Amino acid sequence: MLHEDVLYAPVTELGKRIRTGEISPVDLAESYLARSERLNPRLNAYVTVTRDLALARARKAEEEIAAGGYRGPLHGIPYAAKDLLAVKGYPTTWGAKPYANQKFDFNAAVIDRLDRAGAVLVGKAATIELAGGMNYRYASASLTGPAKNPWNEGCWTCGSSSGPGAIASAALAAFAIGTETWGSILCPSAFCGVSGLRPTFGRVSRYGAMTLAHSLDKIGPLARSAGDCAVILSAIAGHDPLDRSSLPPQEADFHWPAQPPQPLRVGWITNAWRKPDPEIEAAAKAAVAVLKANGAQIADATLPEGPYEAAAGTIVSVEGSAAFRDFIESGKVAELADPLGQINGYVNQTVSAADYMLALQIRGVFQEKVNALFDDFDVIAAPTLPISATPLSANLETSLGFADPVGGLGNLCGLPAISVPCGFTSKSLPIGIQFLARARNDRFVVAAANILQAHTTWHLQRPPIS
């Protein structure tokens, strides 16, 4: 088995070592599989480990590379995919008991793109049931139980991409693919001390992924570094005619490396959180100071006032209840694990068409307002969350029940964002900072995160698990 140092190496480094023959794709896959099978009972990070598929793909990669058929930086790299993404012939449970035996005879578009890049799927990552589409109060709202945080196994990983967060943090794979409707890539990235990139809405095809809110759902990577996230996004981005919300080819494609603006103009959001933990705010401000010391221009920025959080919430409720109408009306919601999930679908069905249309109109207004904000800044920055990882037993309606204007506005307007580590609390829990940019300027958020990671080592820290 390969040493833990190798398994924690960035994707970019692993790719170089595979290409030169220093590392065998088969040995790498075997090592991640062994680590996953050993640690998953502690972390609840996987629903399914795809051992046979992984080894077949790894052998194929090894043969192709030896024959001179190197496909690129993800060739032979093991990864995990959130269990909302269809993988032909394997269970795709959506994290929910009623769908425990569900299988599809096709792959999600993201899985096919990663297959073409030569990446090696080692497992389906755990998720909150139905990506939290019926709402939930507890981290246990999952077919596999609560995903546990590698930094403290008594704490949660956060969001519906709970499994991908644990997998990326504990090096159970080189990277993981998550999804976000509102916070579920950035939140586990912050809680678990990894880098997570939410792409511009429409940049990555959702074909073959469970639909929660068709005008808000996004797919993106969680990995060891911002640079890794950019490499992965380069592979999975692109127009797809099977996804009606897919951006046109020239707008959907993402190429890295890309030259960022010089100097980078960064806006520190002064109204991001009402009462952030002082340790978290101090760490995020220190991260912005690193950017300033390395050439970025820093100034205060203010999010526009308005009911965009309520608008985003209304859209999630209506589109989610529409996506699961048959499931709700059949009464099968009673089989969900979380008490709130068992009833909230019915509540969501009571939201009126007039309220939904008003929410869409509000979205249009705020897309204009946020565009105006980015006339002055290339990126805006704030702590990813105002608190650190919550206990597994926490009631999430109270412990995570704070207003989230950055997440509300960012997701409502389809903005790209990245969360990267920027420190630790006094209880040794990770702290994250997020960068957001104008739609389709994904390269700017990666550029800001790259500056930080070039001059700090927070993203290189490892949780106390082995």
Protein backbone atom coordinates (compact mmCIF):
# COMPACT_ATOMS: atom_id res chain seq x y z
CA MET A 1 0.00 0.00 0.00
CA LEU A 2 1.17 3.52 -0.76
CA HIS A 3 2.09 5.77 2.14
CA GLU A 4 -0.43 8.25 3.54
CA ASP A 5 1.80 11.08 2.29
CA VAL A 6 1.02 9.99 -1.26
CA LEU A 7 -2.71 9.71 -0.63
CA TYR A 8 -2.81 13.29 0.69
CA ALA A 9 -0.88 14.65 -2.30
CA PRO A 10 -2.74 17.14 -4.53
CA VAL A 11 -4.33 15.83 -7.71
CA THR A 12 -1.85 17.89 -9.73
CA GLU A 13 1.08 16.16 -8.04
CA LEU A 14 -0.44 12.68 -8.35
CA GLY A 15 -1.06 13.29 -12.05
CA LYS A 16 2.59 14.16 -12.65
CA ARG A 17 3.80 11.09 -10.78
CA ILE A 18 1.43 8.81 -12.69
CA ARG A 19 2.50 10.27 -16.01
CA THR A 20 6.19 9.65 -15.29
CA GLY A 21 5.54 6.12 -14.05
CA GLU A 22 6.56 6.88 -10.47
CA ILE A 23 3.12 5.79 -9.24
CA SER A 24 0.98 2.99 -10.65
CA PRO A 25 -2.74 3.80 -11.10
CA VAL A 26 -3.54 0.31 -9.85
CA ASP A 27 -1.44 0.75 -6.69
CA LEU A 28 -3.04 4.16 -6.12
CA ALA A 29 -6.56 2.80 -6.52
CA GLU A 30 -5.80 -0.19 -4.27
CA SER A 31 -4.42 2.14 -1.60
CA TYR A 32 -7.42 4.49 -1.62
CA LEU A 33 -9.78 1.50 -1.61
CA ALA A 34 -8.02 -0.07 1.36
CA ARG A 35 -8.08 3.23 3.26
CA SER A 36 -11.76 3.76 2.40
CA GLU A 37 -12.77 0.27 3.49
CA ARG A 38 -10.86 0.68 6.74
CA LEU A 39 -12.05 4.15 7.70
CA ASN A 40 -15.55 4.29 6.23
CA PRO A 41 -17.15 2.39 9.15
CA ARG A 42 -15.93 5.25 11.37
CA LEU A 43 -16.92 8.13 9.07
CA ASN A 44 -20.06 7.00 7.18
CA ALA A 45 -18.60 8.73 4.14
CA TYR A 46 -19.62 6.20 1.47
CA VAL A 47 -22.87 4.54 0.49
CA THR A 48 -21.13 2.16 -1.92
CA VAL A 49 -17.47 1.39 -2.57
CA THR A 50 -17.10 0.45 -6.24
CA ARG A 51 -14.05 -1.80 -5.87
CA ASP A 52 -14.42 -3.89 -9.03
CA LEU A 53 -15.17 -0.88 -11.22
CA ALA A 54 -12.27 1.07 -9.72
CA LEU A 55 -9.72 -1.67 -10.31
CA ALA A 56 -10.93 -2.26 -13.87
CA ARG A 57 -10.65 1.45 -14.64
CA ALA A 58 -7.23 1.67 -12.94
CA ARG A 59 -5.87 -1.26 -14.97
CA LYS A 60 -7.18 0.31 -18.16
CA ALA A 61 -5.52 3.62 -17.24
CA GLU A 62 -2.22 1.90 -16.52
CA GLU A 63 -2.28 0.08 -19.86
CA GLU A 64 -3.20 3.23 -21.80
CA ILE A 65 -0.48 5.33 -20.19
CA ALA A 66 2.13 2.63 -20.75
CA ALA A 67 1.12 2.55 -24.42
CA GLY A 68 1.52 6.34 -24.76
CA GLY A 69 -2.17 7.15 -24.49
CA TYR A 70 -2.00 9.62 -21.61
CA ARG A 71 -5.30 11.55 -21.46
CA GLY A 72 -4.39 14.36 -19.09
CA PRO A 73 -3.98 15.29 -15.42
CA LEU A 74 -6.89 13.16 -14.15
CA HIS A 75 -5.83 9.97 -15.93
CA GLY A 76 -5.63 7.25 -13.28
CA ILE A 77 -6.76 9.54 -10.44
CA PRO A 78 -9.26 7.92 -7.99
CA TYR A 79 -12.32 9.94 -7.00
CA ALA A 80 -15.72 9.61 -5.31
CA ALA A 81 -19.07 10.90 -6.58
CA LYS A 82 -21.98 12.07 -4.45
CA ASP A 83 -24.74 9.48 -4.55
CA LEU A 84 -27.09 11.82 -6.39
CA LEU A 85 -25.16 11.03 -9.60
CA ALA A 86 -26.18 8.02 -11.67
CA VAL A 87 -23.53 5.34 -12.25
CA LYS A 88 -24.66 2.60 -14.59
CA GLY A 89 -25.39 -0.68 -12.81
CA TYR A 90 -24.71 0.60 -9.29
CA PRO A 91 -27.21 1.77 -6.66
CA THR A 92 -27.93 5.49 -6.75
CA THR A 93 -29.82 5.91 -3.50
CA TRP A 94 -30.16 9.70 -3.26
CA GLY A 95 -29.33 9.08 0.43
CA ALA A 96 -32.89 7.97 1.15
CA LYS A 97 -34.39 4.65 2.26
CA PRO A 98 -37.22 4.68 -0.33
CA TYR A 99 -34.57 4.77 -3.09
CA ALA A 100 -32.09 2.33 -1.50
CA ASN A 101 -32.33 -0.14 -4.42
CA GLN A 102 -32.60 2.39 -7.25
CA LYS A 103 -30.36 1.77 -10.27
CA PHE A 104 -29.96 3.48 -13.64
CA ASP A 105 -28.82 2.04 -16.95
CA PHE A 106 -26.76 5.12 -17.81
CA ASN A 107 -24.16 7.42 -16.28
CA ALA A 108 -24.60 11.01 -15.23
CA ALA A 109 -22.90 13.42 -17.65
CA VAL A 110 -20.26 14.27 -15.03
CA ILE A 111 -19.38 10.59 -14.62
CA ASP A 112 -19.00 10.21 -18.39
CA ARG A 113 -16.78 13.30 -18.59
CA LEU A 114 -14.55 11.98 -15.82
CA ASP A 115 -14.45 8.59 -17.53
CA ARG A 116 -13.22 10.30 -20.70
CA ALA A 117 -10.56 12.08 -18.63
CA GLY A 118 -9.42 8.67 -17.35
CA ALA A 119 -10.39 9.24 -13.71
CA VAL A 120 -11.13 6.19 -11.54
CA LEU A 121 -14.40 6.03 -9.57
CA VAL A 122 -13.80 4.36 -6.18
CA GLY A 123 -17.21 4.94 -4.62
CA LYS A 124 -20.56 6.70 -4.24
CA ALA A 125 -20.37 9.29 -1.46
CA ALA A 126 -22.99 9.57 1.26
CA THR A 127 -25.53 12.39 1.16
CA ILE A 128 -28.34 13.81 3.22
CA GLU A 129 -31.59 12.21 2.02
CA LEU A 130 -32.83 13.83 -1.20
CA ALA A 131 -30.08 16.46 -0.77
CA GLY A 132 -32.15 17.97 2.03
CA GLY A 133 -34.97 18.69 -0.40
CA MET A 134 -37.64 17.95 2.18
CA ASN A 135 -35.60 19.80 4.86
CA TYR A 136 -34.06 18.11 7.89
CA ARG A 137 -33.22 18.78 11.52
CA TYR A 138 -30.43 16.31 12.20
CA ALA A 139 -27.19 15.08 10.64
CA SER A 140 -28.63 11.56 10.85
CA ALA A 141 -31.04 12.37 7.97
CA SER A 142 -29.26 9.95 5.67
CA LEU A 143 -29.54 6.34 4.57
CA THR A 144 -26.06 5.68 5.98
CA GLY A 145 -26.35 7.75 9.16
CA PRO A 146 -24.50 10.97 9.95
CA ALA A 147 -21.24 11.60 8.09
CA LYS A 148 -18.54 12.21 10.69
CA ASN A 149 -15.92 14.91 10.50
CA PRO A 150 -12.34 13.58 10.25
CA TRP A 151 -11.12 16.50 12.39
CA ASN A 152 -13.46 15.49 15.23
CA GLU A 153 -15.62 12.41 14.81
CA GLY A 154 -18.14 13.85 17.26
CA CYS A 155 -18.86 16.62 14.75
CA TRP A 156 -20.76 16.72 11.45
CA THR A 157 -19.34 17.41 8.00
CA CYS A 158 -22.19 19.76 6.96
CA GLY A 159 -24.64 19.99 4.07
CA SER A 160 -25.99 17.39 1.69
CA SER A 161 -22.46 16.83 0.30
CA SER A 162 -21.58 15.43 3.71
CA GLY A 163 -19.88 12.32 2.34
CA PRO A 164 -17.73 14.17 -0.23
CA GLY A 165 -16.50 16.48 2.54
CA ALA A 166 -15.35 13.57 4.71
CA ILE A 167 -13.81 11.73 1.75
CA ALA A 168 -11.76 14.70 0.56
CA SER A 169 -10.67 15.55 4.12
CA ALA A 170 -9.65 12.03 5.17
CA ALA A 171 -7.95 11.17 1.84
CA LEU A 172 -10.33 8.32 1.05
CA ALA A 173 -9.98 9.45 -2.58
CA ALA A 174 -7.94 12.11 -4.36
CA PHE A 175 -11.06 14.25 -4.82
CA ALA A 176 -14.83 14.09 -4.62
CA ILE A 177 -17.71 15.47 -6.64
CA GLY A 178 -20.47 17.22 -4.70
CA THR A 179 -23.57 19.22 -5.52
CA GLU A 180 -24.93 22.50 -4.22
CA THR A 181 -28.37 24.03 -4.28
CA TRP A 182 -27.63 26.30 -1.33
CA GLY A 183 -24.37 25.73 0.53
CA SER A 184 -23.71 22.03 0.11
CA ILE A 185 -20.27 22.35 -1.52
CA LEU A 186 -19.00 25.33 0.45
CA CYS A 187 -20.33 24.24 3.85
CA PRO A 188 -18.61 20.81 4.02
CA SER A 189 -15.46 22.33 2.56
CA ALA A 190 -15.32 24.79 5.48
CA PHE A 191 -16.22 22.27 8.18
CA CYS A 192 -13.79 19.64 6.84
CA GLY A 193 -10.84 21.87 5.94
CA VAL A 194 -10.76 21.24 2.18
CA SER A 195 -11.14 23.31 -0.98
CA GLY A 196 -14.54 23.24 -2.66
CA LEU A 197 -15.58 24.98 -5.88
CA ARG A 198 -19.18 25.84 -6.77
CA PRO A 199 -19.16 26.63 -10.50
CA THR A 200 -21.29 29.17 -12.30
CA PHE A 201 -24.82 27.86 -12.76
CA GLY A 202 -25.06 26.01 -16.08
CA ARG A 203 -21.32 25.41 -16.48
CA VAL A 204 -21.50 21.72 -15.46
CA SER A 205 -24.25 19.47 -16.81
CA ARG A 206 -26.74 18.09 -14.29
CA TYR A 207 -27.93 15.34 -16.65
CA GLY A 208 -28.20 12.11 -14.66
CA ALA A 209 -28.14 13.92 -11.32
CA MET A 210 -31.08 14.02 -8.95
CA THR A 211 -33.05 17.22 -9.41
CA LEU A 212 -33.83 19.25 -6.31
CA ALA A 213 -34.28 22.78 -7.66
CA HIS A 214 -33.76 22.86 -11.42
CA SER A 215 -32.87 26.57 -11.51
CA LEU A 216 -30.39 26.38 -8.60
CA ASP A 217 -28.65 22.96 -8.64
CA LYS A 218 -24.92 22.92 -9.41
CA ILE A 219 -22.17 20.26 -9.45
CA GLY A 220 -18.56 20.85 -8.42
CA PRO A 221 -15.38 19.38 -6.90
CA LEU A 222 -14.01 19.13 -3.37
CA ALA A 223 -10.25 18.56 -3.27
CA ARG A 224 -6.97 19.31 -1.53
CA SER A 225 -6.35 22.69 -3.19
CA ALA A 226 -7.93 25.39 -5.32
CA GLY A 227 -5.62 24.40 -8.16
CA ASP A 228 -6.95 20.84 -7.98
CA CYS A 229 -10.52 22.15 -8.14
CA ALA A 230 -9.68 24.12 -11.28
CA VAL A 231 -8.15 21.09 -12.99
CA ILE A 232 -11.21 19.00 -12.15
CA LEU A 233 -13.61 21.73 -13.32
CA SER A 234 -11.73 21.86 -16.62
CA ALA A 235 -12.65 18.20 -17.12
CA ILE A 236 -16.32 18.32 -16.10
CA ALA A 237 -17.37 21.72 -17.49
CA GLY A 238 -18.92 22.12 -20.91
CA HIS A 239 -22.17 22.46 -22.82
CA ASP A 240 -24.60 19.54 -22.74
CA PRO A 241 -27.76 19.57 -24.90
CA LEU A 242 -29.32 17.08 -22.46
CA ASP A 243 -29.34 19.76 -19.75
CA ARG A 244 -31.71 22.55 -20.77
CA SER A 245 -29.98 24.97 -18.40
CA SER A 246 -26.53 24.29 -19.84
CA LEU A 247 -24.60 27.38 -20.91
CA PRO A 248 -23.62 27.73 -24.59
CA PRO A 249 -20.30 26.03 -25.48
CA GLN A 250 -18.19 29.20 -25.44
CA GLU A 251 -19.55 30.10 -21.99
CA ALA A 252 -19.69 26.64 -20.42
CA ASP A 253 -16.10 25.59 -21.20
CA PHE A 254 -13.52 26.21 -18.49
CA HIS A 255 -9.80 26.29 -19.19
CA TRP A 256 -7.07 26.38 -16.58
CA PRO A 257 -4.58 27.89 -16.04
CA ALA A 258 -6.02 31.29 -16.86
CA GLN A 259 -4.52 34.71 -16.33
CA PRO A 260 -6.34 36.58 -13.51
CA PRO A 261 -6.69 40.37 -13.40
CA GLN A 262 -3.62 42.25 -12.19
CA PRO A 263 -3.95 43.44 -9.53
CA LEU A 264 -6.88 41.41 -8.22
CA ARG A 265 -9.59 43.65 -6.72
CA VAL A 266 -11.05 42.03 -3.59
CA GLY A 267 -14.09 43.27 -1.68
CA TRP A 268 -14.37 42.31 2.00
CA ILE A 269 -18.09 41.86 2.68
CA THR A 270 -18.96 43.84 5.80
CA ASN A 271 -22.53 42.52 6.13
CA ALA A 272 -21.93 38.81 5.49
CA TRP A 273 -22.83 37.49 8.95
CA ARG A 274 -24.61 39.14 11.86
CA LYS A 275 -22.57 37.62 14.70
CA PRO A 276 -19.66 35.54 13.40
CA ASP A 277 -17.49 33.68 15.86
CA PRO A 278 -14.61 36.12 16.61
CA GLU A 279 -11.99 33.41 15.87
CA ILE A 280 -13.52 32.80 12.47
CA GLU A 281 -13.79 36.45 11.52
CA ALA A 282 -10.19 37.07 12.62
CA ALA A 283 -8.90 34.13 10.55
CA ALA A 284 -10.77 35.25 7.43
CA LYS A 285 -9.51 38.83 7.81
CA ALA A 286 -5.98 37.51 8.21
CA ALA A 287 -6.42 35.59 4.96
CA VAL A 288 -7.48 38.76 3.16
CA ALA A 289 -4.41 40.48 4.60
CA VAL A 290 -2.28 37.77 2.93
CA LEU A 291 -3.87 38.69 -0.39
CA LYS A 292 -3.14 42.35 0.21
CA ALA A 293 0.47 41.62 1.09
CA ASN A 294 0.80 39.83 -2.23
CA GLY A 295 -0.55 42.48 -4.54
CA ALA A 296 -4.32 42.37 -4.26
CA GLN A 297 -6.29 45.59 -3.79
CA ILE A 298 -8.63 45.31 -0.78
CA ALA A 299 -11.67 47.45 0.03
CA ASP A 300 -14.89 47.02 1.99
CA ALA A 301 -17.94 45.82 0.08
CA THR A 302 -21.61 45.64 1.02
CA LEU A 303 -24.18 43.16 -0.23
CA PRO A 304 -27.36 44.80 -1.51
CA GLU A 305 -30.27 44.82 0.92
CA GLY A 306 -33.41 42.94 0.05
CA PRO A 307 -35.41 39.69 0.39
CA TYR A 308 -33.15 37.54 -1.76
CA GLU A 309 -32.79 34.86 0.93
CA ALA A 310 -36.58 34.56 1.11
CA ALA A 311 -36.73 34.48 -2.70
CA ALA A 312 -34.12 31.71 -2.88
CA GLY A 313 -35.94 29.75 -0.18
CA THR A 314 -39.24 30.06 -2.03
CA ILE A 315 -37.66 28.79 -5.24
CA VAL A 316 -36.13 25.78 -3.46
CA SER A 317 -39.47 24.95 -1.83
CA VAL A 318 -41.53 25.17 -5.01
CA GLU A 319 -39.07 23.50 -7.37
CA GLY A 320 -38.30 20.79 -4.80
CA SER A 321 -41.96 19.97 -4.21
CA ALA A 322 -42.48 19.84 -7.98
CA ALA A 323 -39.49 17.52 -8.48
CA PHE A 324 -40.81 15.15 -5.80
CA ARG A 325 -44.55 15.61 -6.35
CA ASP A 326 -45.27 11.92 -6.95
CA PHE A 327 -43.09 10.91 -4.02
CA ILE A 328 -44.86 13.32 -1.70
CA GLU A 329 -48.37 12.48 -2.84
CA SER A 330 -47.70 8.74 -2.64
CA GLY A 331 -47.04 9.09 1.08
CA LYS A 332 -43.57 7.56 0.76
CA VAL A 333 -42.13 10.64 2.47
CA ALA A 334 -43.10 8.88 5.71
CA GLU A 335 -40.18 6.52 5.05
CA LEU A 336 -37.59 9.32 5.30
CA ALA A 337 -35.33 9.27 8.35
CA ASP A 338 -35.82 12.85 9.50
CA PRO A 339 -39.10 13.89 11.15
CA LEU A 340 -39.04 17.28 9.39
CA GLY A 341 -38.47 15.60 6.05
CA GLN A 342 -41.55 13.48 6.56
CA ILE A 343 -43.85 16.51 6.65
CA ASN A 344 -42.14 19.42 4.96
CA GLY A 345 -42.87 18.32 1.40
CA TYR A 346 -46.54 18.86 2.10
CA VAL A 347 -45.80 22.31 3.51
CA ASN A 348 -43.79 23.22 0.41
CA GLN A 349 -46.71 22.27 -1.82
CA THR A 350 -48.76 25.08 -0.27
CA VAL A 351 -46.49 27.85 -1.62
CA SER A 352 -48.49 29.75 -4.25
CA ALA A 353 -47.64 30.27 -7.89
CA ALA A 354 -47.83 34.01 -7.22
CA ASP A 355 -45.13 33.74 -4.54
CA TYR A 356 -42.95 31.70 -6.87
CA MET A 357 -43.30 34.21 -9.70
CA LEU A 358 -42.49 37.05 -7.32
CA ALA A 359 -39.35 35.17 -6.22
CA LEU A 360 -38.27 34.86 -9.86
CA GLN A 361 -38.81 38.59 -10.37
CA ILE A 362 -36.74 39.32 -7.26
CA ARG A 363 -33.99 37.12 -8.71
CA GLY A 364 -33.89 39.29 -11.83
CA VAL A 365 -33.57 42.46 -9.77
CA PHE A 366 -30.72 41.07 -7.69
CA GLN A 367 -28.85 39.71 -10.68
CA GLU A 368 -28.65 43.32 -11.87
CA LYS A 369 -27.62 44.57 -8.42
CA VAL A 370 -24.89 41.96 -8.02
CA ASN A 371 -23.57 42.73 -11.50
CA ALA A 372 -23.20 46.34 -10.41
CA LEU A 373 -21.28 45.21 -7.33
CA PHE A 374 -18.77 43.39 -9.53
CA ASP A 375 -18.12 46.52 -11.55
CA ASP A 376 -15.91 47.51 -8.60
CA PHE A 377 -14.51 44.12 -7.58
CA ASP A 378 -13.17 41.00 -9.26
CA VAL A 379 -14.06 38.89 -6.23
CA ILE A 380 -15.77 39.44 -2.91
CA ALA A 381 -14.75 37.62 0.26
CA ALA A 382 -16.24 36.55 3.59
CA PRO A 383 -15.97 33.74 6.13
CA THR A 384 -17.60 30.68 4.56
CA LEU A 385 -19.63 30.14 7.72
CA PRO A 386 -19.84 32.10 10.99
CA ILE A 387 -19.34 28.95 13.09
CA SER A 388 -17.18 25.82 13.00
CA ALA A 389 -18.33 22.20 12.75
CA THR A 390 -21.43 21.38 14.77
CA PRO A 391 -21.90 18.32 17.02
CA LEU A 392 -23.53 15.28 15.41
CA SER A 393 -26.45 15.58 17.83
CA ALA A 394 -27.14 19.26 17.12
CA ASN A 395 -30.59 20.43 16.07
CA LEU A 396 -29.66 22.07 12.78
CA GLU A 397 -32.72 24.33 12.77
CA THR A 398 -31.18 26.15 15.71
CA SER A 399 -27.42 25.59 15.36
CA LEU A 400 -27.42 26.43 11.62
CA GLY A 401 -30.57 28.53 11.62
CA PHE A 402 -28.80 31.87 11.06
CA ALA A 403 -29.34 34.14 8.08
CA ASP A 404 -27.04 33.39 5.13
CA PRO A 405 -27.04 36.41 2.81
CA VAL A 406 -23.88 35.39 0.94
CA GLY A 407 -25.17 31.91 0.19
CA GLY A 408 -28.62 33.21 -0.60
CA LEU A 409 -27.45 35.84 -3.06
CA GLY A 410 -24.69 33.68 -4.56
CA ASN A 411 -26.95 30.73 -5.29
CA LEU A 412 -29.95 32.82 -6.33
CA CYS A 413 -27.80 34.58 -8.95
CA GLY A 414 -25.81 31.51 -10.04
CA LEU A 415 -22.44 32.94 -8.99
CA PRO A 416 -19.24 30.89 -8.81
CA ALA A 417 -17.64 30.56 -5.39
CA ILE A 418 -14.85 28.68 -3.68
CA SER A 419 -14.22 27.90 -0.02
CA VAL A 420 -10.66 27.23 1.12
CA PRO A 421 -9.11 26.71 4.56
CA CYS A 422 -7.77 29.76 6.37
CA GLY A 423 -7.11 28.59 9.92
CA PHE A 424 -8.36 26.65 12.92
CA THR A 425 -10.42 27.42 15.99
CA SER A 426 -9.07 26.98 19.52
CA LYS A 427 -10.79 23.55 19.42
CA SER A 428 -8.72 22.56 16.35
CA LEU A 429 -11.66 22.73 13.94
CA PRO A 430 -11.11 24.12 10.41
CA ILE A 431 -12.11 27.62 9.34
CA GLY A 432 -12.95 28.51 5.75
CA ILE A 433 -12.98 31.69 3.69
CA GLN A 434 -15.10 32.02 0.56
CA PHE A 435 -14.53 34.02 -2.62
CA LEU A 436 -17.34 34.84 -5.06
CA ALA A 437 -17.21 36.37 -8.53
CA ARG A 438 -19.51 37.48 -11.33
CA ALA A 439 -21.19 34.66 -13.23
CA ARG A 440 -18.76 32.87 -15.59
CA ASN A 441 -15.73 34.38 -13.84
CA ASP A 442 -14.91 31.11 -12.07
CA ARG A 443 -11.22 31.66 -12.81
CA PHE A 444 -11.23 34.75 -10.58
CA VAL A 445 -12.30 32.84 -7.45
CA VAL A 446 -9.64 30.22 -8.14
CA ALA A 447 -7.05 32.98 -8.65
CA ALA A 448 -7.86 34.54 -5.26
CA ALA A 449 -7.70 31.16 -3.53
CA ASN A 450 -4.42 30.33 -5.30
CA ILE A 451 -2.78 33.50 -3.99
CA LEU A 452 -3.79 32.54 -0.44
CA GLN A 453 -2.64 28.94 -0.80
CA ALA A 454 0.67 29.96 -2.36
CA HIS A 455 1.52 31.85 0.83
CA THR A 456 -0.10 29.74 3.57
CA THR A 457 -0.20 26.06 4.53
CA TRP A 458 -3.72 25.72 5.93
CA HIS A 459 -4.78 23.55 3.00
CA LEU A 460 -1.88 21.16 3.63
CA GLN A 461 -2.96 20.29 7.17
CA ARG A 462 -4.32 16.79 7.81
CA PRO A 463 -6.98 15.64 10.26
CA PRO A 464 -5.94 13.36 13.15
CA ILE A 465 -7.22 10.18 11.52
CA SER A 466 -5.22 7.29 10.10
